[in-house]
Each structure stands twice: as C-alpha cells, then as structure tokens.
Amino acid sequence: DIGDIVRGKDLFLGYDEEKKQRKKLEKNLKEIFQKIQDENRDKLSDLSIDKVREYWWALNRQDVWKAITCDEENKLASASYFRATCSDRDRNGTFSQANKYCRCDKEKSANADQVPTYFDYVPQYLR
C-alpha cells in the first residue's frame, strides 16, 4: 500500500532484486523527508523523520488518492489498483469493486470524495 511505503511501515520484503529496489526507495524517501523537515524547521524540528512521514501522509493522502483514482485522461485504463472487496449477498456472495467512489464521481453519493477508510491504517497482516 502506498500509505505504508510513504510512512515507512511496509512489511513486504519481496525477493532479492525487490529488496535492493526497496532499500533504494527507502533511502530516497528518507532524503526527501529530511529535506521537507529542513525546509519547515519551525514546525517540524522536534519530530523524528518517521513522524514527519506520518505528518506528510496525513496532510497529502487525499491528493495521492485523487492522483491514483481520478484519471480524467484515461492514462490508467489498464491499471489494476483496485480489487474485488465488497461482498454482495443479494447476488449469491459475488464480489464487486468499490472503485467508483473517488473525487471524480461526486454525483454518486455524498461521501464519494472521501478516501476509503479501509485502505489506510489497517495493519498489513490483516489486509
């Protein structure tokens, strides 16, 4: 999950080649968040880099969600970020996707502009 990676809480270790890429990504993220902390000393100087990451994610998760789901130019047409998550008992237990609930589909429901809460802050081993 993107939020886990940004916050430094991703548990997936992967294979050797993936581990190398993850170490590189983690190094780059630490440098990025160190720069964010340095540029915002007045607000962030007392926080650890891990707390800066949490803070940044809390402030920017909706924009990240919008970037992932609201693909107005259809550039992500073949992407499969979403998976079946909703069981519909009226249809004999079939599963469906809850991917129509993002900022771009506000007319569908009052909460269509909200980041689905089941994507964040659930421990990875429970997903």
N, C-alpha and C. Protein backbone atom coordinates (compact mmCIF):
# COMPACT_ATOMS: atom_id res chain seq x y z
N ASP A 1 0.84 -1.18 0.00
CA ASP A 1 0.00 0.00 0.00
C ASP A 1 0.89 1.25 0.00
N ILE A 2 0.50 2.21 -0.75
CA ILE A 2 1.28 3.43 -0.91
C ILE A 2 1.46 4.15 0.43
N GLY A 3 0.40 4.22 1.22
CA GLY A 3 0.50 4.87 2.52
C GLY A 3 1.52 4.20 3.42
N ASP A 4 1.58 2.87 3.39
CA ASP A 4 2.57 2.16 4.19
C ASP A 4 3.99 2.48 3.74
N ILE A 5 4.19 2.56 2.44
CA ILE A 5 5.52 2.87 1.91
C ILE A 5 5.93 4.28 2.31
N VAL A 6 5.03 5.24 2.12
CA VAL A 6 5.33 6.63 2.46
C VAL A 6 5.63 6.77 3.95
N ARG A 7 4.84 6.09 4.77
CA ARG A 7 5.01 6.19 6.23
C ARG A 7 6.11 5.29 6.77
N GLY A 8 6.74 4.49 5.89
CA GLY A 8 7.83 3.62 6.33
C GLY A 8 7.37 2.41 7.10
N LYS A 9 6.16 1.93 6.83
CA LYS A 9 5.59 0.82 7.58
C LYS A 9 5.28 -0.38 6.71
N ASP A 10 5.82 -0.43 5.50
CA ASP A 10 5.55 -1.54 4.59
C ASP A 10 6.25 -2.80 5.08
N LEU A 11 5.51 -3.90 5.22
CA LEU A 11 6.06 -5.14 5.73
C LEU A 11 6.57 -6.08 4.65
N PHE A 12 6.14 -5.88 3.40
CA PHE A 12 6.51 -6.81 2.34
C PHE A 12 7.99 -6.68 2.01
N LEU A 13 8.71 -7.77 2.12
CA LEU A 13 10.15 -7.73 1.86
C LEU A 13 10.50 -8.12 0.43
N GLY A 14 9.73 -9.02 -0.16
CA GLY A 14 9.96 -9.40 -1.55
C GLY A 14 11.20 -10.25 -1.75
N TYR A 15 11.59 -10.36 -3.00
CA TYR A 15 12.74 -11.15 -3.39
C TYR A 15 13.99 -10.27 -3.39
N ASP A 16 15.15 -10.89 -3.61
CA ASP A 16 16.43 -10.17 -3.53
C ASP A 16 16.45 -8.91 -4.38
N GLU A 17 16.02 -9.01 -5.63
CA GLU A 17 16.04 -7.84 -6.51
C GLU A 17 15.09 -6.76 -6.00
N GLU A 18 13.92 -7.18 -5.50
CA GLU A 18 12.97 -6.22 -4.94
C GLU A 18 13.53 -5.57 -3.68
N LYS A 19 14.26 -6.34 -2.89
CA LYS A 19 14.86 -5.79 -1.67
C LYS A 19 15.83 -4.67 -2.00
N LYS A 20 16.59 -4.85 -3.06
CA LYS A 20 17.53 -3.80 -3.49
C LYS A 20 16.77 -2.54 -3.88
N GLN A 21 15.69 -2.71 -4.62
CA GLN A 21 14.89 -1.56 -5.04
C GLN A 21 14.22 -0.89 -3.84
N ARG A 22 13.75 -1.69 -2.90
CA ARG A 22 13.12 -1.13 -1.70
C ARG A 22 14.12 -0.34 -0.86
N LYS A 23 15.33 -0.85 -0.74
CA LYS A 23 16.36 -0.12 0.01
C LYS A 23 16.66 1.21 -0.66
N LYS A 24 16.72 1.19 -1.99
CA LYS A 24 16.96 2.42 -2.75
C LYS A 24 15.80 3.40 -2.55
N LEU A 25 14.57 2.88 -2.64
CA LEU A 25 13.38 3.71 -2.42
C LEU A 25 13.38 4.29 -1.01
N GLU A 26 13.66 3.46 -0.03
CA GLU A 26 13.66 3.91 1.37
C GLU A 26 14.71 5.00 1.59
N LYS A 27 15.88 4.83 1.00
CA LYS A 27 16.94 5.84 1.11
C LYS A 27 16.47 7.16 0.50
N ASN A 28 15.86 7.09 -0.69
CA ASN A 28 15.36 8.30 -1.35
C ASN A 28 14.25 8.97 -0.54
N LEU A 29 13.35 8.17 0.01
CA LEU A 29 12.27 8.74 0.82
C LEU A 29 12.82 9.42 2.07
N LYS A 30 13.80 8.82 2.71
CA LYS A 30 14.40 9.45 3.89
C LYS A 30 15.03 10.79 3.53
N GLU A 31 15.69 10.85 2.38
CA GLU A 31 16.29 12.11 1.93
C GLU A 31 15.21 13.15 1.64
N ILE A 32 14.13 12.73 1.01
CA ILE A 32 13.03 13.64 0.69
C ILE A 32 12.42 14.20 1.97
N PHE A 33 12.14 13.32 2.93
CA PHE A 33 11.50 13.78 4.16
C PHE A 33 12.46 14.57 5.04
N GLN A 34 13.74 14.30 4.94
CA GLN A 34 14.73 15.13 5.64
C GLN A 34 14.72 16.54 5.07
N LYS A 35 14.61 16.63 3.75
CA LYS A 35 14.55 17.94 3.09
C LYS A 35 13.27 18.68 3.50
N ILE A 36 12.16 17.97 3.56
CA ILE A 36 10.90 18.58 4.00
C ILE A 36 11.05 19.10 5.42
N GLN A 37 11.67 18.31 6.29
CA GLN A 37 11.87 18.74 7.67
C GLN A 37 12.78 19.96 7.74
N ASP A 38 13.86 19.95 6.96
CA ASP A 38 14.80 21.08 6.96
C ASP A 38 14.13 22.36 6.47
N GLU A 39 13.25 22.24 5.48
CA GLU A 39 12.58 23.41 4.92
C GLU A 39 11.46 23.93 5.82
N ASN A 40 11.06 23.13 6.79
CA ASN A 40 9.97 23.50 7.70
C ASN A 40 10.42 23.37 9.15
N ARG A 41 11.61 23.84 9.44
CA ARG A 41 12.20 23.73 10.78
C ARG A 41 11.28 24.25 11.88
N ASP A 42 10.61 25.36 11.62
CA ASP A 42 9.76 25.96 12.66
C ASP A 42 8.64 25.02 13.11
N LYS A 43 8.11 24.20 12.22
CA LYS A 43 7.01 23.30 12.56
C LYS A 43 7.47 21.87 12.85
N LEU A 44 8.54 21.43 12.19
CA LEU A 44 8.88 20.01 12.22
C LEU A 44 10.19 19.67 12.93
N SER A 45 10.86 20.64 13.49
CA SER A 45 12.18 20.39 14.07
C SER A 45 12.17 19.41 15.24
N ASP A 46 11.09 19.35 15.98
CA ASP A 46 11.01 18.45 17.14
C ASP A 46 10.57 17.03 16.78
N LEU A 47 10.23 16.81 15.51
CA LEU A 47 9.73 15.50 15.10
C LEU A 47 10.84 14.63 14.51
N SER A 48 10.72 13.32 14.72
CA SER A 48 11.63 12.38 14.07
C SER A 48 11.23 12.28 12.59
N ILE A 49 12.11 11.73 11.77
CA ILE A 49 11.78 11.56 10.35
C ILE A 49 10.54 10.69 10.19
N ASP A 50 10.39 9.66 11.02
CA ASP A 50 9.20 8.81 10.95
C ASP A 50 7.93 9.61 11.22
N LYS A 51 7.99 10.53 12.17
CA LYS A 51 6.82 11.38 12.47
C LYS A 51 6.57 12.38 11.34
N VAL A 52 7.63 12.86 10.71
CA VAL A 52 7.48 13.76 9.56
C VAL A 52 6.76 13.03 8.43
N ARG A 53 7.13 11.77 8.22
CA ARG A 53 6.47 10.96 7.19
C ARG A 53 4.99 10.79 7.49
N GLU A 54 4.67 10.48 8.74
CA GLU A 54 3.27 10.34 9.16
C GLU A 54 2.51 11.66 8.94
N TYR A 55 3.12 12.75 9.34
CA TYR A 55 2.53 14.09 9.20
C TYR A 55 2.27 14.40 7.73
N TRP A 56 3.27 14.16 6.88
CA TRP A 56 3.11 14.44 5.45
C TRP A 56 1.97 13.60 4.87
N TRP A 57 1.91 12.32 5.22
CA TRP A 57 0.88 11.44 4.69
C TRP A 57 -0.50 11.92 5.14
N ALA A 58 -0.64 12.30 6.40
CA ALA A 58 -1.93 12.79 6.90
C ALA A 58 -2.39 14.02 6.12
N LEU A 59 -1.46 14.88 5.75
CA LEU A 59 -1.81 16.10 5.00
C LEU A 59 -2.05 15.86 3.52
N ASN A 60 -1.44 14.83 2.95
CA ASN A 60 -1.46 14.67 1.50
C ASN A 60 -2.15 13.42 0.98
N ARG A 61 -2.68 12.58 1.85
CA ARG A 61 -3.25 11.32 1.39
C ARG A 61 -4.42 11.51 0.43
N GLN A 62 -5.23 12.55 0.63
CA GLN A 62 -6.35 12.75 -0.28
C GLN A 62 -5.87 13.14 -1.67
N ASP A 63 -4.81 13.92 -1.75
CA ASP A 63 -4.26 14.28 -3.06
C ASP A 63 -3.64 13.08 -3.75
N VAL A 64 -2.99 12.21 -2.98
CA VAL A 64 -2.43 10.98 -3.55
C VAL A 64 -3.56 10.10 -4.06
N TRP A 65 -4.62 9.96 -3.26
CA TRP A 65 -5.78 9.16 -3.66
C TRP A 65 -6.39 9.72 -4.96
N LYS A 66 -6.53 11.03 -5.03
CA LYS A 66 -7.09 11.65 -6.23
C LYS A 66 -6.21 11.35 -7.44
N ALA A 67 -4.90 11.45 -7.27
CA ALA A 67 -3.99 11.18 -8.38
C ALA A 67 -4.10 9.74 -8.86
N ILE A 68 -4.33 8.82 -7.95
CA ILE A 68 -4.43 7.40 -8.32
C ILE A 68 -5.76 7.09 -8.99
N THR A 69 -6.84 7.64 -8.47
CA THR A 69 -8.17 7.21 -8.91
C THR A 69 -8.85 8.11 -9.93
N CYS A 70 -8.51 9.36 -9.98
CA CYS A 70 -9.21 10.29 -10.85
C CYS A 70 -8.42 10.52 -12.12
N ASP A 71 -8.53 9.60 -12.99
CA ASP A 71 -7.75 9.57 -14.22
C ASP A 71 -8.59 10.10 -15.37
N GLU A 72 -8.73 11.40 -15.45
CA GLU A 72 -9.60 12.01 -16.45
C GLU A 72 -9.15 11.76 -17.88
N GLU A 73 -7.85 11.58 -18.09
CA GLU A 73 -7.35 11.34 -19.44
C GLU A 73 -7.25 9.85 -19.75
N ASN A 74 -7.72 9.01 -18.86
CA ASN A 74 -7.76 7.57 -19.03
C ASN A 74 -6.38 6.95 -19.23
N LYS A 75 -5.35 7.57 -18.64
CA LYS A 75 -3.99 7.04 -18.76
C LYS A 75 -3.83 5.73 -17.98
N LEU A 76 -4.67 5.51 -17.01
CA LEU A 76 -4.57 4.32 -16.18
C LEU A 76 -5.59 3.25 -16.56
N ALA A 77 -6.04 3.27 -17.80
CA ALA A 77 -7.11 2.37 -18.24
C ALA A 77 -6.79 0.90 -18.00
N SER A 78 -5.56 0.50 -18.16
CA SER A 78 -5.22 -0.91 -17.99
C SER A 78 -4.66 -1.23 -16.60
N ALA A 79 -4.60 -0.24 -15.72
CA ALA A 79 -4.07 -0.46 -14.38
C ALA A 79 -5.07 -1.24 -13.54
N SER A 80 -4.58 -2.00 -12.59
CA SER A 80 -5.49 -2.77 -11.73
C SER A 80 -5.20 -2.49 -10.26
N TYR A 81 -5.29 -1.24 -9.87
CA TYR A 81 -5.06 -0.86 -8.48
C TYR A 81 -6.15 -1.44 -7.58
N PHE A 82 -7.37 -1.46 -8.10
CA PHE A 82 -8.49 -1.94 -7.31
C PHE A 82 -8.67 -3.44 -7.45
N ARG A 83 -9.19 -4.05 -6.41
CA ARG A 83 -9.53 -5.46 -6.46
C ARG A 83 -10.91 -5.63 -5.83
N ALA A 84 -11.52 -6.76 -6.08
CA ALA A 84 -12.85 -7.01 -5.52
C ALA A 84 -12.77 -7.05 -4.00
N THR A 85 -13.58 -6.22 -3.36
CA THR A 85 -13.53 -6.13 -1.90
C THR A 85 -14.90 -6.21 -1.26
N CYS A 86 -15.95 -6.01 -2.03
CA CYS A 86 -17.28 -5.91 -1.46
C CYS A 86 -18.09 -7.16 -1.79
N SER A 87 -18.57 -7.83 -0.78
CA SER A 87 -19.41 -8.99 -0.99
C SER A 87 -20.85 -8.53 -1.09
N ASP A 88 -21.57 -9.05 -2.06
CA ASP A 88 -22.97 -8.67 -2.26
C ASP A 88 -23.82 -9.91 -2.03
N ARG A 89 -24.45 -9.99 -0.89
CA ARG A 89 -25.23 -11.18 -0.54
C ARG A 89 -26.43 -11.36 -1.45
N ASP A 90 -26.95 -10.27 -2.00
CA ASP A 90 -28.10 -10.39 -2.89
C ASP A 90 -27.73 -11.06 -4.20
N ARG A 91 -26.45 -11.11 -4.50
CA ARG A 91 -26.00 -11.74 -5.74
C ARG A 91 -25.20 -13.01 -5.44
N ASN A 92 -25.67 -13.79 -4.52
CA ASN A 92 -25.08 -15.08 -4.18
C ASN A 92 -23.62 -14.99 -3.77
N GLY A 93 -23.26 -13.99 -3.02
CA GLY A 93 -21.90 -13.89 -2.49
C GLY A 93 -20.84 -13.50 -3.49
N THR A 94 -21.23 -12.93 -4.61
CA THR A 94 -20.22 -12.48 -5.57
C THR A 94 -19.53 -11.24 -5.03
N PHE A 95 -18.37 -10.98 -5.55
CA PHE A 95 -17.61 -9.82 -5.09
C PHE A 95 -17.62 -8.73 -6.15
N SER A 96 -17.58 -7.50 -5.69
CA SER A 96 -17.54 -6.36 -6.61
C SER A 96 -16.50 -5.37 -6.14
N GLN A 97 -16.20 -4.41 -6.98
CA GLN A 97 -15.21 -3.40 -6.65
C GLN A 97 -15.90 -2.13 -6.17
N ALA A 98 -15.26 -1.46 -5.23
CA ALA A 98 -15.76 -0.18 -4.73
C ALA A 98 -14.95 0.94 -5.35
N ASN A 99 -14.66 0.84 -6.64
CA ASN A 99 -13.77 1.81 -7.27
C ASN A 99 -14.49 3.02 -7.86
N LYS A 100 -15.77 3.12 -7.71
CA LYS A 100 -16.48 4.28 -8.26
C LYS A 100 -16.60 5.40 -7.23
N TYR A 101 -16.00 5.20 -6.08
CA TYR A 101 -16.10 6.21 -5.03
C TYR A 101 -14.78 6.96 -4.90
N CYS A 102 -14.63 7.98 -5.70
CA CYS A 102 -13.46 8.84 -5.61
C CYS A 102 -13.92 10.27 -5.90
N ARG A 103 -13.02 11.19 -5.84
CA ARG A 103 -13.37 12.60 -6.02
C ARG A 103 -14.07 12.88 -7.34
N CYS A 104 -13.80 12.12 -8.37
CA CYS A 104 -14.33 12.41 -9.69
C CYS A 104 -15.78 12.00 -9.86
N ASP A 105 -16.34 11.29 -8.91
CA ASP A 105 -17.69 10.76 -9.06
C ASP A 105 -18.63 11.28 -7.97
N LYS A 106 -18.54 12.57 -7.65
CA LYS A 106 -19.29 13.12 -6.52
C LYS A 106 -20.80 12.93 -6.66
N GLU A 107 -21.31 12.86 -7.88
CA GLU A 107 -22.75 12.76 -8.04
C GLU A 107 -23.29 11.41 -7.57
N LYS A 108 -22.43 10.42 -7.37
CA LYS A 108 -22.89 9.09 -6.96
C LYS A 108 -23.38 9.06 -5.52
N SER A 109 -22.67 9.75 -4.62
CA SER A 109 -23.10 9.78 -3.22
C SER A 109 -22.45 10.96 -2.51
N ALA A 110 -22.96 11.25 -1.34
CA ALA A 110 -22.44 12.39 -0.57
C ALA A 110 -21.00 12.18 -0.14
N ASN A 111 -20.59 10.94 0.05
CA ASN A 111 -19.24 10.65 0.52
C ASN A 111 -18.30 10.21 -0.59
N ALA A 112 -18.66 10.46 -1.82
CA ALA A 112 -17.85 9.97 -2.94
C ALA A 112 -16.48 10.62 -3.01
N ASP A 113 -16.30 11.75 -2.34
CA ASP A 113 -15.00 12.42 -2.40
C ASP A 113 -14.07 12.02 -1.25
N GLN A 114 -14.45 11.02 -0.50
CA GLN A 114 -13.65 10.59 0.65
C GLN A 114 -12.72 9.44 0.28
N VAL A 115 -11.54 9.45 0.87
CA VAL A 115 -10.64 8.31 0.72
C VAL A 115 -11.25 7.14 1.48
N PRO A 116 -11.37 5.97 0.86
CA PRO A 116 -11.95 4.83 1.58
C PRO A 116 -11.12 4.51 2.83
N THR A 117 -11.77 4.46 3.96
CA THR A 117 -11.04 4.25 5.20
C THR A 117 -10.43 2.86 5.28
N TYR A 118 -10.97 1.90 4.55
CA TYR A 118 -10.42 0.56 4.64
C TYR A 118 -9.08 0.43 3.94
N PHE A 119 -8.62 1.44 3.22
CA PHE A 119 -7.32 1.40 2.57
C PHE A 119 -6.19 1.83 3.50
N ASP A 120 -6.48 2.58 4.51
CA ASP A 120 -5.44 3.16 5.36
C ASP A 120 -5.55 2.69 6.80
N TYR A 121 -4.42 2.62 7.44
CA TYR A 121 -4.33 2.41 8.88
C TYR A 121 -4.85 1.06 9.36
N VAL A 122 -5.03 0.11 8.46
CA VAL A 122 -5.33 -1.26 8.83
C VAL A 122 -4.01 -2.01 8.74
N PRO A 123 -3.60 -2.70 9.79
CA PRO A 123 -2.31 -3.41 9.72
C PRO A 123 -2.24 -4.31 8.49
N GLN A 124 -1.08 -4.34 7.85
CA GLN A 124 -0.93 -5.10 6.61
C GLN A 124 -1.29 -6.56 6.77
N TYR A 125 -0.94 -7.16 7.89
CA TYR A 125 -1.21 -8.59 8.05
C TYR A 125 -2.70 -8.89 8.13
N LEU A 126 -3.54 -7.88 8.30
CA LEU A 126 -4.99 -8.07 8.34
C LEU A 126 -5.65 -7.78 7.00
N ARG A 127 -4.90 -7.29 6.03
CA ARG A 127 -5.50 -6.97 4.72
C ARG A 127 -5.50 -8.17 3.82
